[in-house]
Amino acid sequence: MKEILNEWNRFLKEDQSSGFIETQQQADMIASETRIAEDALLDSSIAEQQTTSIQFVSNINSENPQEFAKKFYQSYNLSTKKGFLTPYSVEDFFKMKLFLIKNGENVENAGFAIKDGDDIVSVHNNSKMRGIGNQMIEEAKKQGGNKLDHFDGFLSGYYRKHGFKVVGLDQWSENYIPADWDFPSSNIEDSNSSVYANASTQYGDGFDKITNLDKSLQIQIEGGVEVTANPADKTSQYRSGRPDVIYRKL
C-alpha cells in the first residue's frame, strides 16, 4: 500500500491536462450518470436477458409532456446511489426525448433520455425488472442516440459490445474529484473494464511490471486515441480508484 501511495504522489506532481472537463459540475454530472448506469446495466449483464421485446413510452407522443418529465425525474431519482442523483432538473428533462419502459398497464421506473438529439443520458433501472439493459441501449440507438460518456470501468466493456467506439478521453484530475466518489480500485489491464488494456501489451508483461520509469509516453488506447501518460503511474491511478473519463460514439 505504501508503494502504491508513493507512486500516486509522483503522478500528482506531473502536469495533468484536461480535454473536456473544466468545472466541478461537469465531473459530478458524469459521475452521477456513470454510477446509476452501472447499477442498471451491470444487473443486465448478470441476469438472463428478456427474450420478449419490451415496450417504451415517450414524452414525444405524450398528452402531457411536462408531467412525463416529472415522472422521468422521479423515476431516475429512486436510485439507491443517493450520492449520485440526477444533475438534471425537470425543466432540463422537458427539453430532452424521454423513454420509460411500459410493462402491461404499468410504466416502470426504468429508461433513458436523449439530449441534444444524439447524446444518451440518464440510463437507469430502478424497477424490479431484470435483464432489460441491452434492449434499453439498442432502443436508445434507434431513437438517434449515438454518443455517451462515462468513467472508465464496467461500462467500457458494456458499451464497446454495443458498438460505441472511444473518440476521446479526459485524464483524471484532482482538481475535479466528483462529490461522494468512493474510489473503487480498478484493474487497468482488464479489457472488460479499461480502455488501456490492449495498450498494456506494448510493454511486454504490461504496465504493472514497468519499474523506474520517470517520464510520460504516447500511449495508444482503445479506438486509436493517443494519450500522454506515464504507464506505471497510470496503473497506480486506477488502483487508487481514479479512472479517466471516456467519450464514445457509434
C-alpha atoms as a PDB file:
ATOM      1  CA  MET A   1       0.000   0.000   0.000  1.00  0.00           C
ATOM      2  CA  LYS A   2       2.837   2.417   0.841  1.00  0.00           C
ATOM      3  CA  GLU A   3       4.413   1.743  -2.566  1.00  0.00           C
ATOM      4  CA  ILE A   4       1.116   2.482  -4.329  1.00  0.00           C
ATOM      5  CA  LEU A   5       0.704   5.751  -2.433  1.00  0.00           C
ATOM      6  CA  ASN A   6       4.262   6.815  -3.275  1.00  0.00           C
ATOM      7  CA  GLU A   7       3.655   6.128  -6.962  1.00  0.00           C
ATOM      8  CA  TRP A   8       0.379   8.048  -6.800  1.00  0.00           C
ATOM      9  CA  ASN A   9       2.023  11.068  -5.174  1.00  0.00           C
ATOM     10  CA  ARG A  10       4.550  11.116  -8.013  1.00  0.00           C
ATOM     11  CA  PHE A  11       1.709  11.074 -10.518  1.00  0.00           C
ATOM     12  CA  LEU A  12       0.102  14.109  -8.855  1.00  0.00           C
ATOM     13  CA  LYS A  13       3.236  16.147  -9.399  1.00  0.00           C
ATOM     14  CA  GLU A  14       3.056  15.707 -13.167  1.00  0.00           C
ATOM     15  CA  ASP A  15       1.222  18.100 -15.444  1.00  0.00           C
ATOM     16  CA  GLN A  16      -2.337  16.808 -15.912  1.00  0.00           C
ATOM     17  CA  SER A  17      -4.081  18.204 -18.954  1.00  0.00           C
ATOM     18  CA  SER A  18      -7.851  18.348 -19.265  1.00  0.00           C
ATOM     19  CA  GLY A  19      -9.668  17.816 -22.518  1.00  0.00           C
ATOM     20  CA  PHE A  20     -13.340  18.484 -21.842  1.00  0.00           C
ATOM     21  CA  ILE A  21     -13.979  18.685 -18.087  1.00  0.00           C
ATOM     22  CA  GLU A  22     -13.468  22.250 -16.963  1.00  0.00           C
ATOM     23  CA  THR A  23     -15.823  22.529 -13.982  1.00  0.00           C
ATOM     24  CA  GLN A  24     -16.741  20.583 -10.878  1.00  0.00           C
ATOM     25  CA  GLN A  25     -20.327  20.395 -12.138  1.00  0.00           C
ATOM     26  CA  GLN A  26     -19.212  18.522 -15.261  1.00  0.00           C
ATOM     27  CA  ALA A  27     -17.264  15.974 -13.207  1.00  0.00           C
ATOM     28  CA  ASP A  28     -20.186  15.463 -10.816  1.00  0.00           C
ATOM     29  CA  MET A  29     -22.603  15.035 -13.716  1.00  0.00           C
ATOM     30  CA  ILE A  30     -20.543  12.316 -15.433  1.00  0.00           C
ATOM     31  CA  ALA A  31     -20.001  10.552 -12.093  1.00  0.00           C
ATOM     32  CA  SER A  32     -23.742  10.524 -11.416  1.00  0.00           C
ATOM     33  CA  GLU A  33     -24.567   9.207 -14.871  1.00  0.00           C
ATOM     34  CA  THR A  34     -21.843   6.548 -14.583  1.00  0.00           C
ATOM     35  CA  ARG A  35     -22.841   5.181 -11.193  1.00  0.00           C
ATOM     36  CA  ILE A  36     -26.556   4.889 -11.944  1.00  0.00           C
ATOM     37  CA  ALA A  37     -25.987   3.428 -15.421  1.00  0.00           C
ATOM     38  CA  GLU A  38     -23.625   0.878 -13.873  1.00  0.00           C
ATOM     39  CA  ASP A  39     -26.380  -0.200 -11.497  1.00  0.00           C
ATOM     40  CA  ALA A  40     -28.822  -0.609 -14.366  1.00  0.00           C
ATOM     41  CA  LEU A  41     -26.534  -2.340 -16.851  1.00  0.00           C
ATOM     42  CA  LEU A  42     -24.397  -4.452 -14.516  1.00  0.00           C
ATOM     43  CA  ASP A  43     -27.566  -6.203 -13.434  1.00  0.00           C
ATOM     44  CA  SER A  44     -28.427  -6.752 -17.082  1.00  0.00           C
ATOM     45  CA  SER A  45     -25.062  -8.341 -17.803  1.00  0.00           C
ATOM     46  CA  ILE A  46     -25.585 -10.858 -14.989  1.00  0.00           C
ATOM     47  CA  ALA A  47     -29.298 -11.556 -15.228  1.00  0.00           C
ATOM     48  CA  GLU A  48     -30.853 -13.545 -18.040  1.00  0.00           C
ATOM     49  CA  GLN A  49     -31.839 -11.128 -20.781  1.00  0.00           C
ATOM     50  CA  GLN A  50     -35.504 -10.574 -21.549  1.00  0.00           C
ATOM     51  CA  THR A  51     -36.305 -12.612 -24.663  1.00  0.00           C
ATOM     52  CA  THR A  52     -39.556 -10.813 -25.450  1.00  0.00           C
ATOM     53  CA  SER A  53     -39.472  -7.244 -26.707  1.00  0.00           C
ATOM     54  CA  ILE A  54     -40.171  -4.614 -24.105  1.00  0.00           C
ATOM     55  CA  GLN A  55     -42.300  -1.579 -24.863  1.00  0.00           C
ATOM     56  CA  PHE A  56     -41.370   2.037 -24.348  1.00  0.00           C
ATOM     57  CA  VAL A  57     -43.466   5.124 -23.774  1.00  0.00           C
ATOM     58  CA  SER A  58     -42.119   8.583 -24.526  1.00  0.00           C
ATOM     59  CA  ASN A  59     -42.815  12.257 -23.987  1.00  0.00           C
ATOM     60  CA  ILE A  60     -42.684  12.617 -27.768  1.00  0.00           C
ATOM     61  CA  ASN A  61     -46.257  11.391 -28.079  1.00  0.00           C
ATOM     62  CA  SER A  62     -47.418  12.136 -24.547  1.00  0.00           C
ATOM     63  CA  GLU A  63     -50.566  14.192 -24.000  1.00  0.00           C
ATOM     64  CA  ASN A  64     -48.812  15.947 -21.106  1.00  0.00           C
ATOM     65  CA  PRO A  65     -45.034  16.241 -21.752  1.00  0.00           C
ATOM     66  CA  GLN A  66     -44.476  18.279 -18.575  1.00  0.00           C
ATOM     67  CA  GLU A  67     -45.985  15.549 -16.402  1.00  0.00           C
ATOM     68  CA  PHE A  68     -43.943  12.960 -18.266  1.00  0.00           C
ATOM     69  CA  ALA A  69     -40.783  14.925 -17.471  1.00  0.00           C
ATOM     70  CA  LYS A  70     -41.753  14.933 -13.780  1.00  0.00           C
ATOM     71  CA  LYS A  71     -42.367  11.176 -13.894  1.00  0.00           C
ATOM     72  CA  PHE A  72     -38.981  10.605 -15.518  1.00  0.00           C
ATOM     73  CA  TYR A  73     -37.250  12.793 -12.933  1.00  0.00           C
ATOM     74  CA  GLN A  74     -38.853  10.818 -10.106  1.00  0.00           C
ATOM     75  CA  SER A  75     -38.020   7.515 -11.781  1.00  0.00           C
ATOM     76  CA  TYR A  76     -34.333   8.373 -12.088  1.00  0.00           C
ATOM     77  CA  ASN A  77     -34.082   9.645  -8.519  1.00  0.00           C
ATOM     78  CA  LEU A  78     -35.305   6.392  -6.992  1.00  0.00           C
ATOM     79  CA  SER A  79     -31.739   5.135  -7.338  1.00  0.00           C
ATOM     80  CA  THR A  80     -30.078   3.656  -4.244  1.00  0.00           C
ATOM     81  CA  LYS A  81     -26.985   5.683  -5.201  1.00  0.00           C
ATOM     82  CA  LYS A  82     -28.185   8.624  -3.140  1.00  0.00           C
ATOM     83  CA  GLY A  83     -24.904  10.475  -3.532  1.00  0.00           C
ATOM     84  CA  PHE A  84     -25.313  10.332  -7.297  1.00  0.00           C
ATOM     85  CA  LEU A  85     -28.788  11.653  -8.043  1.00  0.00           C
ATOM     86  CA  THR A  86     -29.597  13.304 -11.345  1.00  0.00           C
ATOM     87  CA  PRO A  87     -27.854  16.593 -12.089  1.00  0.00           C
ATOM     88  CA  TYR A  88     -30.796  17.441 -14.347  1.00  0.00           C
ATOM     89  CA  SER A  89     -33.931  19.301 -13.318  1.00  0.00           C
ATOM     90  CA  VAL A  90     -37.472  18.591 -14.508  1.00  0.00           C
ATOM     91  CA  GLU A  91     -37.072  21.550 -16.846  1.00  0.00           C
ATOM     92  CA  ASP A  92     -33.883  20.029 -18.263  1.00  0.00           C
ATOM     93  CA  PHE A  93     -35.638  16.721 -18.900  1.00  0.00           C
ATOM     94  CA  PHE A  94     -38.562  18.532 -20.528  1.00  0.00           C
ATOM     95  CA  LYS A  95     -36.162  19.586 -23.320  1.00  0.00           C
ATOM     96  CA  MET A  96     -34.976  16.007 -23.960  1.00  0.00           C
ATOM     97  CA  LYS A  97     -36.512  12.950 -25.584  1.00  0.00           C
ATOM     98  CA  LEU A  98     -37.506  10.717 -22.665  1.00  0.00           C
ATOM     99  CA  PHE A  99     -38.267   6.998 -22.678  1.00  0.00           C
ATOM    100  CA  LEU A 100     -39.637   4.792 -19.920  1.00  0.00           C
ATOM    101  CA  ILE A 101     -40.467   1.092 -20.055  1.00  0.00           C
ATOM    102  CA  LYS A 102     -44.084   0.044 -20.156  1.00  0.00           C
ATOM    103  CA  ASN A 103     -44.892  -3.313 -18.581  1.00  0.00           C
ATOM    104  CA  GLY A 104     -48.509  -4.193 -19.254  1.00  0.00           C
ATOM    105  CA  GLU A 105     -50.534  -1.267 -17.924  1.00  0.00           C
ATOM    106  CA  ASN A 106     -47.699  -0.033 -15.705  1.00  0.00           C
ATOM    107  CA  VAL A 107     -44.952   2.443 -16.543  1.00  0.00           C
ATOM    108  CA  GLU A 108     -41.778   1.189 -14.876  1.00  0.00           C
ATOM    109  CA  ASN A 109     -39.062   3.223 -13.187  1.00  0.00           C
ATOM    110  CA  ALA A 110     -36.546   2.377 -15.894  1.00  0.00           C
ATOM    111  CA  GLY A 111     -35.495   4.151 -19.054  1.00  0.00           C
ATOM    112  CA  PHE A 112     -33.158   6.636 -20.700  1.00  0.00           C
ATOM    113  CA  ALA A 113     -33.054  10.097 -22.237  1.00  0.00           C
ATOM    114  CA  ILE A 114     -31.643  11.575 -25.437  1.00  0.00           C
ATOM    115  CA  LYS A 115     -30.173  15.052 -25.000  1.00  0.00           C
ATOM    116  CA  ASP A 116     -29.429  17.444 -27.859  1.00  0.00           C
ATOM    117  CA  GLY A 117     -30.649  14.924 -30.393  1.00  0.00           C
ATOM    118  CA  ASP A 118     -27.924  12.291 -30.044  1.00  0.00           C
ATOM    119  CA  ASP A 119     -26.438  12.204 -26.524  1.00  0.00           C
ATOM    120  CA  ILE A 120     -27.597   9.190 -24.458  1.00  0.00           C
ATOM    121  CA  VAL A 121     -28.016  10.174 -20.796  1.00  0.00           C
ATOM    122  CA  SER A 122     -29.798   9.121 -17.612  1.00  0.00           C
ATOM    123  CA  VAL A 123     -29.832   5.381 -18.296  1.00  0.00           C
ATOM    124  CA  HIS A 124     -31.403   3.816 -15.216  1.00  0.00           C
ATOM    125  CA  ASN A 125     -33.347   0.843 -13.908  1.00  0.00           C
ATOM    126  CA  ASN A 126     -34.990   1.378 -10.540  1.00  0.00           C
ATOM    127  CA  SER A 127     -37.714  -1.177 -11.214  1.00  0.00           C
ATOM    128  CA  LYS A 128     -37.975  -4.866 -10.331  1.00  0.00           C
ATOM    129  CA  MET A 129     -37.491  -5.845 -13.969  1.00  0.00           C
ATOM    130  CA  ARG A 130     -34.204  -7.557 -14.804  1.00  0.00           C
ATOM    131  CA  GLY A 131     -32.305  -8.290 -17.983  1.00  0.00           C
ATOM    132  CA  ILE A 132     -33.541  -5.205 -19.846  1.00  0.00           C
ATOM    133  CA  GLY A 133     -30.286  -3.269 -20.286  1.00  0.00           C
ATOM    134  CA  ASN A 134     -29.438  -4.492 -23.775  1.00  0.00           C
ATOM    135  CA  GLN A 135     -32.862  -3.585 -25.106  1.00  0.00           C
ATOM    136  CA  MET A 136     -32.678  -0.142 -23.492  1.00  0.00           C
ATOM    137  CA  ILE A 137     -29.338   0.663 -25.123  1.00  0.00           C
ATOM    138  CA  GLU A 138     -30.427  -0.672 -28.506  1.00  0.00           C
ATOM    139  CA  GLU A 139     -33.648   1.353 -28.305  1.00  0.00           C
ATOM    140  CA  ALA A 140     -31.608   4.442 -27.446  1.00  0.00           C
ATOM    141  CA  LYS A 141     -29.596   3.875 -30.619  1.00  0.00           C
ATOM    142  CA  LYS A 142     -32.787   3.513 -32.672  1.00  0.00           C
ATOM    143  CA  GLN A 143     -34.024   6.809 -31.254  1.00  0.00           C
ATOM    144  CA  GLY A 144     -30.957   8.652 -32.531  1.00  0.00           C
ATOM    145  CA  GLY A 145     -28.573   8.246 -29.612  1.00  0.00           C
ATOM    146  CA  ASN A 146     -25.057   7.835 -30.952  1.00  0.00           C
ATOM    147  CA  LYS A 147     -22.743   9.146 -28.243  1.00  0.00           C
ATOM    148  CA  LEU A 148     -22.231   8.921 -24.484  1.00  0.00           C
ATOM    149  CA  ASP A 149     -19.605   9.413 -21.803  1.00  0.00           C
ATOM    150  CA  HIS A 150     -18.655   7.648 -18.587  1.00  0.00           C
ATOM    151  CA  PHE A 151     -15.836   6.983 -16.158  1.00  0.00           C
ATOM    152  CA  ASP A 152     -13.692   4.049 -17.270  1.00  0.00           C
ATOM    153  CA  GLY A 153     -14.763   0.776 -15.667  1.00  0.00           C
ATOM    154  CA  PHE A 154     -17.514  -1.774 -16.226  1.00  0.00           C
ATOM    155  CA  LEU A 155     -19.283   0.488 -18.728  1.00  0.00           C
ATOM    156  CA  SER A 156     -16.255   0.412 -21.051  1.00  0.00           C
ATOM    157  CA  GLY A 157     -16.738  -3.267 -21.800  1.00  0.00           C
ATOM    158  CA  TYR A 158     -20.527  -2.962 -21.911  1.00  0.00           C
ATOM    159  CA  TYR A 159     -20.729  -0.031 -24.319  1.00  0.00           C
ATOM    160  CA  ARG A 160     -17.989  -1.493 -26.507  1.00  0.00           C
ATOM    161  CA  LYS A 161     -20.170  -4.551 -27.085  1.00  0.00           C
ATOM    162  CA  HIS A 162     -22.940  -2.254 -28.266  1.00  0.00           C
ATOM    163  CA  GLY A 163     -20.714  -0.638 -30.884  1.00  0.00           C
ATOM    164  CA  PHE A 164     -19.661   2.567 -29.130  1.00  0.00           C
ATOM    165  CA  LYS A 165     -16.070   3.443 -30.003  1.00  0.00           C
ATOM    166  CA  VAL A 166     -13.689   5.582 -27.964  1.00  0.00           C
ATOM    167  CA  VAL A 167     -13.236   9.019 -29.544  1.00  0.00           C
ATOM    168  CA  GLY A 168     -11.767  10.966 -26.650  1.00  0.00           C
ATOM    169  CA  LEU A 169     -10.594  10.865 -23.064  1.00  0.00           C
ATOM    170  CA  ASP A 170     -10.211  13.150 -20.078  1.00  0.00           C
ATOM    171  CA  GLN A 171      -7.485  12.104 -17.671  1.00  0.00           C
ATOM    172  CA  TRP A 172      -8.427  12.089 -14.000  1.00  0.00           C
ATOM    173  CA  SER A 173      -7.930  15.456 -12.336  1.00  0.00           C
ATOM    174  CA  GLU A 174      -7.561  16.020  -8.623  1.00  0.00           C
ATOM    175  CA  ASN A 175      -8.998  19.479  -9.289  1.00  0.00           C
ATOM    176  CA  TYR A 176     -12.409  17.982 -10.031  1.00  0.00           C
ATOM    177  CA  ILE A 177     -12.944  14.972  -7.776  1.00  0.00           C
ATOM    178  CA  PRO A 178     -16.650  14.045  -8.078  1.00  0.00           C
ATOM    179  CA  ALA A 179     -18.755  14.597  -4.981  1.00  0.00           C
ATOM    180  CA  ASP A 180     -19.264  11.384  -2.971  1.00  0.00           C
ATOM    181  CA  TRP A 181     -16.783   9.472  -5.152  1.00  0.00           C
ATOM    182  CA  ASP A 182     -15.939   6.190  -3.393  1.00  0.00           C
ATOM    183  CA  PHE A 183     -12.605   5.434  -5.121  1.00  0.00           C
ATOM    184  CA  PRO A 184     -13.194   1.797  -6.195  1.00  0.00           C
ATOM    185  CA  SER A 185      -9.942   0.112  -7.188  1.00  0.00           C
ATOM    186  CA  SER A 186      -9.791  -0.798 -10.883  1.00  0.00           C
ATOM    187  CA  ASN A 187      -7.609  -3.158 -12.937  1.00  0.00           C
ATOM    188  CA  ILE A 188      -6.252  -1.126 -15.828  1.00  0.00           C
ATOM    189  CA  GLU A 189      -5.272  -4.296 -17.710  1.00  0.00           C
ATOM    190  CA  ASP A 190      -8.751  -5.858 -17.728  1.00  0.00           C
ATOM    191  CA  SER A 191     -10.307  -5.364 -21.174  1.00  0.00           C
ATOM    192  CA  ASN A 192     -13.771  -5.617 -19.622  1.00  0.00           C
ATOM    193  CA  SER A 193     -13.208  -2.512 -17.565  1.00  0.00           C
ATOM    194  CA  SER A 194     -10.421  -0.440 -19.090  1.00  0.00           C
ATOM    195  CA  VAL A 195      -9.640   1.275 -22.377  1.00  0.00           C
ATOM    196  CA  TYR A 196      -5.932   0.851 -21.596  1.00  0.00           C
ATOM    197  CA  ALA A 197      -5.965  -2.980 -21.563  1.00  0.00           C
ATOM    198  CA  ASN A 198      -4.714  -3.595 -25.085  1.00  0.00           C
ATOM    199  CA  ALA A 199      -2.159  -0.805 -24.826  1.00  0.00           C
ATOM    200  CA  SER A 200      -0.503  -2.538 -21.885  1.00  0.00           C
ATOM    201  CA  THR A 201       0.615  -5.392 -24.181  1.00  0.00           C
ATOM    202  CA  GLN A 202       3.007  -2.939 -25.838  1.00  0.00           C
ATOM    203  CA  TYR A 203       5.136  -3.223 -22.728  1.00  0.00           C
ATOM    204  CA  GLY A 204       5.724  -6.955 -22.567  1.00  0.00           C
ATOM    205  CA  ASP A 205       4.378  -8.032 -19.190  1.00  0.00           C
ATOM    206  CA  GLY A 206       2.115  -4.986 -19.031  1.00  0.00           C
ATOM    207  CA  PHE A 207       2.003  -1.645 -17.258  1.00  0.00           C
ATOM    208  CA  ASP A 208       2.181  -3.284 -13.856  1.00  0.00           C
ATOM    209  CA  LYS A 209       5.696  -4.674 -14.458  1.00  0.00           C
ATOM    210  CA  ILE A 210       7.282  -1.385 -15.515  1.00  0.00           C
ATOM    211  CA  THR A 211       9.736  -0.008 -12.959  1.00  0.00           C
ATOM    212  CA  ASN A 212      11.952   3.067 -12.746  1.00  0.00           C
ATOM    213  CA  LEU A 213      10.075   4.878 -15.482  1.00  0.00           C
ATOM    214  CA  ASP A 214      10.120   8.588 -14.701  1.00  0.00           C
ATOM    215  CA  LYS A 215       8.701  10.021 -17.914  1.00  0.00           C
ATOM    216  CA  SER A 216       5.428  10.140 -19.834  1.00  0.00           C
ATOM    217  CA  LEU A 217       4.929   8.341 -23.126  1.00  0.00           C
ATOM    218  CA  GLN A 218       2.490   8.459 -26.037  1.00  0.00           C
ATOM    219  CA  ILE A 219       0.104   5.568 -25.384  1.00  0.00           C
ATOM    220  CA  GLN A 220      -2.415   4.436 -27.979  1.00  0.00           C
ATOM    221  CA  ILE A 221      -5.530   3.191 -26.231  1.00  0.00           C
ATOM    222  CA  GLU A 222      -8.791   1.678 -27.477  1.00  0.00           C
ATOM    223  CA  GLY A 223     -10.094   3.362 -30.606  1.00  0.00           C
ATOM    224  CA  GLY A 224      -6.624   4.538 -31.591  1.00  0.00           C
ATOM    225  CA  VAL A 225      -6.879   7.536 -29.266  1.00  0.00           C
ATOM    226  CA  GLU A 226      -3.464   8.741 -28.132  1.00  0.00           C
ATOM    227  CA  VAL A 227      -2.815   9.656 -24.513  1.00  0.00           C
ATOM    228  CA  THR A 228       0.313  11.163 -22.977  1.00  0.00           C
ATOM    229  CA  ALA A 229       0.881   9.440 -19.640  1.00  0.00           C
ATOM    230  CA  ASN A 230       3.338   7.520 -17.514  1.00  0.00           C
ATOM    231  CA  PRO A 231       2.148   3.867 -17.768  1.00  0.00           C
ATOM    232  CA  ALA A 232       3.282   2.918 -14.262  1.00  0.00           C
ATOM    233  CA  ASP A 233       1.683   5.979 -12.725  1.00  0.00           C
ATOM    234  CA  LYS A 234      -1.490   5.403 -14.713  1.00  0.00           C
ATOM    235  CA  THR A 235      -1.688   1.917 -13.193  1.00  0.00           C
ATOM    236  CA  SER A 236      -1.369   3.362  -9.697  1.00  0.00           C
ATOM    237  CA  GLN A 237      -4.001   5.954 -10.541  1.00  0.00           C
ATOM    238  CA  TYR A 238      -6.515   3.249 -11.450  1.00  0.00           C
ATOM    239  CA  ARG A 239      -5.607   1.126  -8.419  1.00  0.00           C
ATOM    240  CA  SER A 240      -6.399   4.065  -6.193  1.00  0.00           C
ATOM    241  CA  GLY A 241      -9.868   4.406  -7.734  1.00  0.00           C
ATOM    242  CA  ARG A 242      -9.211   7.338 -10.055  1.00  0.00           C
ATOM    243  CA  PRO A 243     -10.255   6.270 -13.581  1.00  0.00           C
ATOM    244  CA  ASP A 244     -10.308   8.525 -16.630  1.00  0.00           C
ATOM    245  CA  VAL A 245     -13.431   9.819 -18.328  1.00  0.00           C
ATOM    246  CA  ILE A 246     -14.203   8.169 -21.667  1.00  0.00           C
ATOM    247  CA  TYR A 247     -16.110   9.665 -24.588  1.00  0.00           C
ATOM    248  CA  ARG A 248     -17.719   7.284 -27.117  1.00  0.00           C
ATOM    249  CA  LYS A 249     -19.606   7.441 -30.409  1.00  0.00           C
ATOM    250  CA  LEU A 250     -21.104   4.852 -32.738  1.00  0.00           C
END
